[in-house]
C-alpha atoms as a PDB file:
ATOM      1  CA  UNK A   1      43.683 -68.578 -82.006  1.00  0.00           C
ATOM      2  CA  UNK A   2      46.550 -67.724 -84.344  1.00  0.00           C
ATOM      3  CA  UNK A   3      49.579 -65.759 -83.118  1.00  0.00           C
ATOM      4  CA  UNK A   4      49.644 -62.338 -84.822  1.00  0.00           C
ATOM      5  CA  UNK A   5      53.067 -61.164 -83.724  1.00  0.00           C
ATOM      6  CA  UNK A   6      54.598 -61.415 -87.185  1.00  0.00           C
ATOM      7  CA  UNK A   7      51.677 -59.767 -88.979  1.00  0.00           C
ATOM      8  CA  UNK A   8      52.818 -56.641 -90.812  1.00  0.00           C
ATOM      9  CA  UNK A   9      49.538 -55.852 -92.566  1.00  0.00           C
ATOM     10  CA  UNK A  10      49.065 -52.090 -92.723  1.00  0.00           C
ATOM     11  CA  UNK A  11      52.778 -51.413 -92.260  1.00  0.00           C
ATOM     12  CA  UNK A  12      55.141 -49.888 -94.810  1.00  0.00           C
ATOM     13  CA  UNK A  13      58.749 -51.057 -95.051  1.00  0.00           C
ATOM     14  CA  UNK A  14      61.636 -49.435 -96.891  1.00  0.00           C
ATOM     15  CA  UNK A  15      64.601 -51.679 -97.717  1.00  0.00           C
ATOM     16  CA  UNK A  16      67.733 -50.238 -99.290  1.00  0.00           C
ATOM     17  CA  UNK A  17      70.053 -52.429-101.314  1.00  0.00           C
ATOM     18  CA  UNK A  18      67.147 -54.781-101.953  1.00  0.00           C
ATOM     19  CA  UNK A  19      67.299 -55.823-105.584  1.00  0.00           C
ATOM     20  CA  UNK A  20      69.296 -59.022-105.061  1.00  0.00           C
ATOM     21  CA  UNK A  21      70.762 -61.311-102.427  1.00  0.00           C
ATOM     22  CA  UNK A  22      70.038 -60.692 -98.779  1.00  0.00           C
ATOM     23  CA  UNK A  23      68.259 -57.372 -99.320  1.00  0.00           C
ATOM     24  CA  UNK A  24      65.812 -58.846-101.812  1.00  0.00           C
ATOM     25  CA  UNK A  25      65.186 -61.827 -99.539  1.00  0.00           C
ATOM     26  CA  UNK A  26      64.378 -59.503 -96.621  1.00  0.00           C
ATOM     27  CA  UNK A  27      62.077 -57.356 -98.767  1.00  0.00           C
ATOM     28  CA  UNK A  28      60.218 -60.469 -99.922  1.00  0.00           C
ATOM     29  CA  UNK A  29      59.943 -61.771 -96.355  1.00  0.00           C
ATOM     30  CA  UNK A  30      58.451 -58.509 -95.084  1.00  0.00           C
ATOM     31  CA  UNK A  31      55.998 -58.489 -97.985  1.00  0.00           C
ATOM     32  CA  UNK A  32      55.018 -62.083 -97.224  1.00  0.00           C
ATOM     33  CA  UNK A  33      54.085 -60.923 -93.727  1.00  0.00           C
ATOM     34  CA  UNK A  34      51.753 -58.306 -95.209  1.00  0.00           C
ATOM     35  CA  UNK A  35      53.873 -55.157 -95.434  1.00  0.00           C
ATOM     36  CA  UNK A  36      53.849 -52.788 -98.359  1.00  0.00           C
ATOM     37  CA  UNK A  37      57.466 -52.513 -99.437  1.00  0.00           C
ATOM     38  CA  UNK A  38      59.753 -50.029-101.156  1.00  0.00           C
ATOM     39  CA  UNK A  39      62.754 -51.705-102.805  1.00  0.00           C
ATOM     40  CA  UNK A  40      65.802 -49.840-104.018  1.00  0.00           C
ATOM     41  CA  UNK A  41      69.194 -49.938-105.648  1.00  0.00           C
ATOM     42  CA  UNK A  42      71.559 -47.338-107.050  1.00  0.00           C
ATOM     43  CA  UNK A  43      70.783 -48.745-110.504  1.00  0.00           C
ATOM     44  CA  UNK A  44      67.329 -47.794-111.778  1.00  0.00           C
ATOM     45  CA  UNK A  45      66.925 -50.830-114.034  1.00  0.00           C
ATOM     46  CA  UNK A  46      67.703 -53.196-111.144  1.00  0.00           C
ATOM     47  CA  UNK A  47      65.249 -51.317-108.934  1.00  0.00           C
ATOM     48  CA  UNK A  48      62.513 -51.605-111.540  1.00  0.00           C
ATOM     49  CA  UNK A  49      63.233 -55.299-112.118  1.00  0.00           C
ATOM     50  CA  UNK A  50      63.070 -56.167-108.405  1.00  0.00           C
ATOM     51  CA  UNK A  51      59.842 -54.231-107.951  1.00  0.00           C
ATOM     52  CA  UNK A  52      58.312 -55.977-110.972  1.00  0.00           C
ATOM     53  CA  UNK A  53      59.436 -59.382-109.710  1.00  0.00           C
ATOM     54  CA  UNK A  54      57.853 -58.950-106.281  1.00  0.00           C
ATOM     55  CA  UNK A  55      54.723 -57.415-107.782  1.00  0.00           C
ATOM     56  CA  UNK A  56      54.398 -60.472-110.049  1.00  0.00           C
ATOM     57  CA  UNK A  57      54.443 -62.604-106.873  1.00  0.00           C
ATOM     58  CA  UNK A  58      51.385 -60.705-105.639  1.00  0.00           C
ATOM     59  CA  UNK A  59      52.988 -58.174-103.306  1.00  0.00           C
ATOM     60  CA  UNK A  60      52.351 -54.427-103.028  1.00  0.00           C
ATOM     61  CA  UNK A  61      55.764 -53.066-103.932  1.00  0.00           C
ATOM     62  CA  UNK A  62      57.253 -49.899-105.398  1.00  0.00           C
ATOM     63  CA  UNK A  63      60.800 -49.339-106.603  1.00  0.00           C
ATOM     64  CA  UNK A  64      62.694 -46.118-105.904  1.00  0.00           C
ATOM     65  CA  UNK A  65      66.326 -45.567-106.795  1.00  0.00           C
ATOM     66  CA  UNK A  66      68.713 -44.856-103.906  1.00  0.00           C
ATOM     67  CA  UNK A  67      72.440 -44.217-104.164  1.00  0.00           C
ATOM     68  CA  UNK A  68      73.680 -44.620-100.590  1.00  0.00           C
ATOM     69  CA  UNK A  69      76.978 -42.955-101.540  1.00  0.00           C
ATOM     70  CA  UNK A  70      75.213 -39.675-102.396  1.00  0.00           C
ATOM     71  CA  UNK A  71      73.955 -37.586 -99.476  1.00  0.00           C
ATOM     72  CA  UNK A  72      71.422 -35.553-101.451  1.00  0.00           C
ATOM     73  CA  UNK A  73      70.228 -38.728-103.145  1.00  0.00           C
ATOM     74  CA  UNK A  74      69.649 -40.329 -99.749  1.00  0.00           C
ATOM     75  CA  UNK A  75      67.472 -37.410 -98.645  1.00  0.00           C
ATOM     76  CA  UNK A  76      65.540 -37.444-101.905  1.00  0.00           C
ATOM     77  CA  UNK A  77      64.983 -41.178-101.579  1.00  0.00           C
ATOM     78  CA  UNK A  78      63.528 -40.718 -98.094  1.00  0.00           C
ATOM     79  CA  UNK A  79      61.014 -38.144 -99.323  1.00  0.00           C
ATOM     80  CA  UNK A  80      59.975 -40.271-102.295  1.00  0.00           C
ATOM     81  CA  UNK A  81      59.615 -43.317-100.036  1.00  0.00           C
ATOM     82  CA  UNK A  82      57.254 -41.423 -97.716  1.00  0.00           C
ATOM     83  CA  UNK A  83      55.093 -40.448-100.685  1.00  0.00           C
ATOM     84  CA  UNK A  84      55.039 -43.963-102.142  1.00  0.00           C
ATOM     85  CA  UNK A  85      52.581 -45.352 -99.578  1.00  0.00           C
ATOM     86  CA  UNK A  86      51.914 -42.272 -97.434  1.00  0.00           C
ATOM     87  CA  UNK A  87      54.041 -43.378 -94.458  1.00  0.00           C
ATOM     88  CA  UNK A  88      57.043 -45.468 -93.433  1.00  0.00           C
ATOM     89  CA  UNK A  89      56.999 -47.738 -90.380  1.00  0.00           C
ATOM     90  CA  UNK A  90      60.044 -49.957 -90.954  1.00  0.00           C
ATOM     91  CA  UNK A  91      63.419 -48.962 -92.376  1.00  0.00           C
ATOM     92  CA  UNK A  92      65.989 -51.615 -93.301  1.00  0.00           C
ATOM     93  CA  UNK A  93      69.345 -50.092 -94.221  1.00  0.00           C
ATOM     94  CA  UNK A  94      71.093 -52.782 -96.210  1.00  0.00           C
ATOM     95  CA  UNK A  95      72.771 -50.834 -99.021  1.00  0.00           C
ATOM     96  CA  UNK A  96      76.537 -50.439 -98.858  1.00  0.00           C
ATOM     97  CA  UNK A  97      79.255 -48.774-100.862  1.00  0.00           C
ATOM     98  CA  UNK A  98      82.559 -50.263-102.009  1.00  0.00           C
ATOM     99  CA  UNK A  99      84.296 -52.362 -99.347  1.00  0.00           C
ATOM    100  CA  UNK A 100      88.108 -52.373 -99.061  1.00  0.00           C
ATOM    101  CA  UNK A 101      89.484 -55.871 -98.592  1.00  0.00           C
ATOM    102  CA  UNK A 102      92.638 -56.482 -96.579  1.00  0.00           C
ATOM    103  CA  UNK A 103      94.264 -55.662 -93.233  1.00  0.00           C
ATOM    104  CA  UNK A 104      93.146 -52.421 -91.617  1.00  0.00           C
ATOM    105  CA  UNK A 105      96.719 -51.132 -91.459  1.00  0.00           C
ATOM    106  CA  UNK A 106      96.919 -51.344 -95.251  1.00  0.00           C
ATOM    107  CA  UNK A 107      93.566 -49.675 -95.956  1.00  0.00           C
ATOM    108  CA  UNK A 108      93.715 -46.680 -98.256  1.00  0.00           C
ATOM    109  CA  UNK A 109      92.555 -43.651 -96.244  1.00  0.00           C
ATOM    110  CA  UNK A 110      90.378 -42.308 -99.042  1.00  0.00           C
ATOM    111  CA  UNK A 111      88.658 -45.698 -99.260  1.00  0.00           C
ATOM    112  CA  UNK A 112      88.197 -45.679 -95.490  1.00  0.00           C
ATOM    113  CA  UNK A 113      86.623 -42.217 -95.630  1.00  0.00           C
ATOM    114  CA  UNK A 114      84.226 -43.361 -98.353  1.00  0.00           C
ATOM    115  CA  UNK A 115      83.347 -46.492 -96.376  1.00  0.00           C
ATOM    116  CA  UNK A 116      82.559 -44.526 -93.217  1.00  0.00           C
ATOM    117  CA  UNK A 117      80.505 -41.971 -95.135  1.00  0.00           C
ATOM    118  CA  UNK A 118      78.303 -44.575 -96.764  1.00  0.00           C
ATOM    119  CA  UNK A 119      78.113 -47.049 -93.886  1.00  0.00           C
ATOM    120  CA  UNK A 120      77.738 -44.663 -90.964  1.00  0.00           C
ATOM    121  CA  UNK A 121      76.990 -41.066 -91.967  1.00  0.00           C
ATOM    122  CA  UNK A 122      74.600 -41.651 -94.852  1.00  0.00           C
ATOM    123  CA  UNK A 123      72.672 -44.428 -93.116  1.00  0.00           C
ATOM    124  CA  UNK A 124      72.318 -42.166 -90.080  1.00  0.00           C
ATOM    125  CA  UNK A 125      71.098 -39.346 -92.310  1.00  0.00           C
ATOM    126  CA  UNK A 126      68.613 -41.727 -93.913  1.00  0.00           C
ATOM    127  CA  UNK A 127      67.025 -42.960 -90.695  1.00  0.00           C
ATOM    128  CA  UNK A 128      66.854 -39.394 -89.361  1.00  0.00           C
ATOM    129  CA  UNK A 129      64.497 -38.549 -92.214  1.00  0.00           C
ATOM    130  CA  UNK A 130      61.924 -40.997 -90.824  1.00  0.00           C
ATOM    131  CA  UNK A 131      62.304 -40.743 -87.042  1.00  0.00           C
ATOM    132  CA  UNK A 132      60.168 -37.635 -86.344  1.00  0.00           C
ATOM    133  CA  UNK A 133      57.129 -39.005 -88.192  1.00  0.00           C
ATOM    134  CA  UNK A 134      57.575 -42.404 -86.561  1.00  0.00           C
ATOM    135  CA  UNK A 135      57.591 -40.624 -83.207  1.00  0.00           C
ATOM    136  CA  UNK A 136      54.338 -38.835 -84.062  1.00  0.00           C
ATOM    137  CA  UNK A 137      52.703 -42.200 -84.775  1.00  0.00           C
ATOM    138  CA  UNK A 138      54.511 -43.822 -81.833  1.00  0.00           C
ATOM    139  CA  UNK A 139      55.658 -46.750 -83.928  1.00  0.00           C
ATOM    140  CA  UNK A 140      58.853 -47.508 -85.788  1.00  0.00           C
ATOM    141  CA  UNK A 141      61.463 -50.188 -86.351  1.00  0.00           C
ATOM    142  CA  UNK A 142      64.943 -49.420 -87.664  1.00  0.00           C
ATOM    143  CA  UNK A 143      67.136 -52.277 -88.883  1.00  0.00           C
ATOM    144  CA  UNK A 144      70.740 -51.725 -89.913  1.00  0.00           C
ATOM    145  CA  UNK A 145      72.776 -54.443 -91.575  1.00  0.00           C
ATOM    146  CA  UNK A 146      75.965 -54.943 -89.605  1.00  0.00           C
ATOM    147  CA  UNK A 147      78.310 -57.936 -89.682  1.00  0.00           C
ATOM    148  CA  UNK A 148      80.042 -60.472 -87.473  1.00  0.00           C
ATOM    149  CA  UNK A 149      83.174 -58.519 -88.474  1.00  0.00           C
ATOM    150  CA  UNK A 150      81.941 -55.761 -86.142  1.00  0.00           C
ATOM    151  CA  UNK A 151      82.295 -58.163 -83.206  1.00  0.00           C
ATOM    152  CA  UNK A 152      85.155 -60.423 -84.240  1.00  0.00           C
ATOM    153  CA  UNK A 153      88.343 -59.316 -85.960  1.00  0.00           C
ATOM    154  CA  UNK A 154      88.840 -60.307 -89.592  1.00  0.00           C
ATOM    155  CA  UNK A 155      92.230 -59.886 -91.297  1.00  0.00           C
ATOM    156  CA  UNK A 156      90.498 -59.507 -94.650  1.00  0.00           C
ATOM    157  CA  UNK A 157      87.801 -57.061 -93.513  1.00  0.00           C
ATOM    158  CA  UNK A 158      89.455 -54.838 -90.924  1.00  0.00           C
ATOM    159  CA  UNK A 159      88.113 -51.486 -92.135  1.00  0.00           C
ATOM    160  CA  UNK A 160      84.714 -52.985 -92.918  1.00  0.00           C
ATOM    161  CA  UNK A 161      84.488 -54.387 -89.383  1.00  0.00           C
ATOM    162  CA  UNK A 162      85.416 -51.016 -87.879  1.00  0.00           C
ATOM    163  CA  UNK A 163      82.725 -49.253 -89.912  1.00  0.00           C
ATOM    164  CA  UNK A 164      80.108 -51.815 -88.927  1.00  0.00           C
ATOM    165  CA  UNK A 165      81.116 -51.476 -85.262  1.00  0.00           C
ATOM    166  CA  UNK A 166      80.415 -47.750 -85.556  1.00  0.00           C
ATOM    167  CA  UNK A 167      77.042 -48.611 -87.079  1.00  0.00           C
ATOM    168  CA  UNK A 168      76.279 -50.755 -84.018  1.00  0.00           C
ATOM    169  CA  UNK A 169      76.868 -47.629 -81.959  1.00  0.00           C
ATOM    170  CA  UNK A 170      74.321 -45.763 -84.055  1.00  0.00           C
ATOM    171  CA  UNK A 171      71.847 -48.543 -83.291  1.00  0.00           C
ATOM    172  CA  UNK A 172      72.377 -48.314 -79.545  1.00  0.00           C
ATOM    173  CA  UNK A 173      72.122 -44.528 -79.462  1.00  0.00           C
ATOM    174  CA  UNK A 174      69.023 -44.465 -81.657  1.00  0.00           C
ATOM    175  CA  UNK A 175      67.331 -47.082 -79.477  1.00  0.00           C
ATOM    176  CA  UNK A 176      68.163 -45.159 -76.307  1.00  0.00           C
ATOM    177  CA  UNK A 177      67.097 -41.761 -77.605  1.00  0.00           C
ATOM    178  CA  UNK A 178      63.906 -42.728 -79.451  1.00  0.00           C
ATOM    179  CA  UNK A 179      62.590 -45.633 -77.412  1.00  0.00           C
ATOM    180  CA  UNK A 180      60.220 -43.375 -75.482  1.00  0.00           C
ATOM    181  CA  UNK A 181      58.248 -42.963 -78.705  1.00  0.00           C
ATOM    182  CA  UNK A 182      58.025 -46.712 -79.293  1.00  0.00           C
ATOM    183  CA  UNK A 183      60.778 -46.692 -81.888  1.00  0.00           C
ATOM    184  CA  UNK A 184      63.152 -49.637 -81.836  1.00  0.00           C
ATOM    185  CA  UNK A 185      66.558 -49.922 -83.486  1.00  0.00           C
ATOM    186  CA  UNK A 186      68.569 -53.096 -83.983  1.00  0.00           C
ATOM    187  CA  UNK A 187      71.376 -54.450 -86.123  1.00  0.00           C
ATOM    188  CA  UNK A 188      71.528 -57.699 -88.067  1.00  0.00           C
ATOM    189  CA  UNK A 189      75.077 -59.086 -87.891  1.00  0.00           C
ATOM    190  CA  UNK A 190      75.434 -62.128 -90.124  1.00  0.00           C
ATOM    191  CA  UNK A 191      78.566 -64.107 -90.739  1.00  0.00           C
ATOM    192  CA  UNK A 192      79.413 -65.076 -94.304  1.00  0.00           C
ATOM    193  CA  UNK A 193      76.317 -65.096 -96.530  1.00  0.00           C
ATOM    194  CA  UNK A 194      76.363 -66.390-100.085  1.00  0.00           C
ATOM    195  CA  UNK A 195      75.986 -63.180-102.084  1.00  0.00           C
ATOM    196  CA  UNK A 196      77.842 -61.408-104.880  1.00  0.00           C
ATOM    197  CA  UNK A 197      79.959 -59.603-102.267  1.00  0.00           C
ATOM    198  CA  UNK A 198      81.044 -62.793-100.500  1.00  0.00           C
ATOM    199  CA  UNK A 199      82.233 -64.413-103.710  1.00  0.00           C
ATOM    200  CA  UNK A 200      85.454 -62.447-103.275  1.00  0.00           C
ATOM    201  CA  UNK A 201      86.283 -64.805-100.414  1.00  0.00           C
ATOM    202  CA  UNK A 202      84.473 -67.917-101.670  1.00  0.00           C
ATOM    203  CA  UNK A 203      86.138 -68.070-105.048  1.00  0.00           C
ATOM    204  CA  UNK A 204      87.360 -71.682-104.786  1.00  0.00           C
ATOM    205  CA  UNK A 205      85.868 -74.887-103.359  1.00  0.00           C
ATOM    206  CA  UNK A 206      88.676 -75.053-100.795  1.00  0.00           C
ATOM    207  CA  UNK A 207      88.040 -71.471 -99.675  1.00  0.00           C
ATOM    208  CA  UNK A 208      84.332 -72.163 -99.233  1.00  0.00           C
ATOM    209  CA  UNK A 209      85.029 -75.391 -97.336  1.00  0.00           C
ATOM    210  CA  UNK A 210      87.428 -73.596 -94.992  1.00  0.00           C
ATOM    211  CA  UNK A 211      84.946 -70.796 -94.339  1.00  0.00           C
ATOM    212  CA  UNK A 212      82.087 -73.222 -93.705  1.00  0.00           C
ATOM    213  CA  UNK A 213      84.236 -75.156 -91.221  1.00  0.00           C
ATOM    214  CA  UNK A 214      84.427 -72.088 -88.954  1.00  0.00           C
ATOM    215  CA  UNK A 215      80.776 -72.594 -87.983  1.00  0.00           C
ATOM    216  CA  UNK A 216      79.213 -75.547 -86.122  1.00  0.00           C
ATOM    217  CA  UNK A 217      76.611 -75.621 -88.874  1.00  0.00           C
ATOM    218  CA  UNK A 218      79.447 -76.350 -91.344  1.00  0.00           C
ATOM    219  CA  UNK A 219      77.901 -74.360 -94.145  1.00  0.00           C
ATOM    220  CA  UNK A 220      77.723 -70.867 -95.600  1.00  0.00           C
ATOM    221  CA  UNK A 221      74.533 -68.950 -94.854  1.00  0.00           C
ATOM    222  CA  UNK A 222      72.068 -68.351 -97.671  1.00  0.00           C
ATOM    223  CA  UNK A 223      70.173 -65.036 -97.962  1.00  0.00           C
ATOM    224  CA  UNK A 224      66.960 -66.685 -96.740  1.00  0.00           C
ATOM    225  CA  UNK A 225      68.716 -67.621 -93.486  1.00  0.00           C
ATOM    226  CA  UNK A 226      68.701 -63.938 -92.499  1.00  0.00           C
ATOM    227  CA  UNK A 227      65.045 -63.236 -93.246  1.00  0.00           C
ATOM    228  CA  UNK A 228      63.513 -64.674 -90.058  1.00  0.00           C
ATOM    229  CA  UNK A 229      65.623 -62.446 -87.836  1.00  0.00           C
ATOM    230  CA  UNK A 230      64.708 -59.396 -89.899  1.00  0.00           C
ATOM    231  CA  UNK A 231      60.999 -60.196 -89.632  1.00  0.00           C
ATOM    232  CA  UNK A 232      61.285 -60.712 -85.883  1.00  0.00           C
ATOM    233  CA  UNK A 233      62.986 -57.358 -85.337  1.00  0.00           C
ATOM    234  CA  UNK A 234      60.655 -55.502 -87.716  1.00  0.00           C
ATOM    235  CA  UNK A 235      57.419 -56.920 -86.329  1.00  0.00           C
ATOM    236  CA  UNK A 236      55.392 -56.704 -83.098  1.00  0.00           C
ATOM    237  CA  UNK A 237      56.903 -60.088 -82.156  1.00  0.00           C
ATOM    238  CA  UNK A 238      60.128 -58.202 -81.413  1.00  0.00           C
ATOM    239  CA  UNK A 239      58.478 -55.290 -79.634  1.00  0.00           C
ATOM    240  CA  UNK A 240      60.737 -55.576 -76.568  1.00  0.00           C
ATOM    241  CA  UNK A 241      63.982 -56.057 -78.477  1.00  0.00           C
ATOM    242  CA  UNK A 242      65.897 -52.836 -79.065  1.00  0.00           C
ATOM    243  CA  UNK A 243      69.463 -51.598 -79.169  1.00  0.00           C
ATOM    244  CA  UNK A 244      70.784 -55.065 -79.988  1.00  0.00           C
ATOM    245  CA  UNK A 245      73.288 -56.406 -82.483  1.00  0.00           C
ATOM    246  CA  UNK A 246      71.970 -59.843 -83.362  1.00  0.00           C
ATOM    247  CA  UNK A 247      74.606 -62.286 -84.536  1.00  0.00           C
ATOM    248  CA  UNK A 248      73.274 -64.632 -87.225  1.00  0.00           C
ATOM    249  CA  UNK A 249      76.239 -66.895 -87.638  1.00  0.00           C
ATOM    250  CA  UNK A 250      75.280 -70.553 -87.363  1.00  0.00           C
ATOM    251  CA  UNK A 251      77.041 -70.678 -83.995  1.00  0.00           C
ATOM    252  CA  UNK A 252      80.391 -69.411 -85.277  1.00  0.00           C
ATOM    253  CA  UNK A 253      80.772 -66.878 -82.463  1.00  0.00           C
ATOM    254  CA  UNK A 254      80.534 -69.528 -79.722  1.00  0.00           C
ATOM    255  CA  UNK A 255      83.652 -71.435 -80.724  1.00  0.00           C
END
């Protein structure tokens, strides 16, 4: 008898920020487990290209533009996502706005406001669009992309870490308030992952070597390294995991 805990056949997943890097890898992983998937980006051409790519691999995918920095756009995206496949069972909030780099004491306040609006407020608004219908069906999984910076201080990502820590609070509250309707909420908190964003801090061989040395695994994570955790938390296999911030860091947090 085969274990069916990771089977997502009949489920619909929405993944924001999913046209490249970690978001695309997660969208592909969910599709490989049988889910129908909505991919998105704030750029329509990127959204269309990602949807076409996954469709060419044999998956049932639709692309819908989502600008996480625009509140009305977030609400519109939620409604279009519901219509795409008739329901939404899994929401992965991976999209992010501009990230200020540097010590928190030096962060421009306007940049901090924008970061909190996109990271916390707009992601909260987005998941709220799906929660009532998930409750009616008594099934839902919410995944928010956090960061190890929410748990461990980073001189280069102080404001980013603070915003992600607030997002972890959203996860805990959502899990506590909606768990009675079989809705789970969790956060994925990776350390450094090789993406376009991380290249700011991996711009030389020495910088990459120094970053890799912070983890017992002695390497930088690749986007595919995050997919298994996302599938676990989105699927029935993770049905008793809720309200958690899961560190995916190659052991970095233990040393």
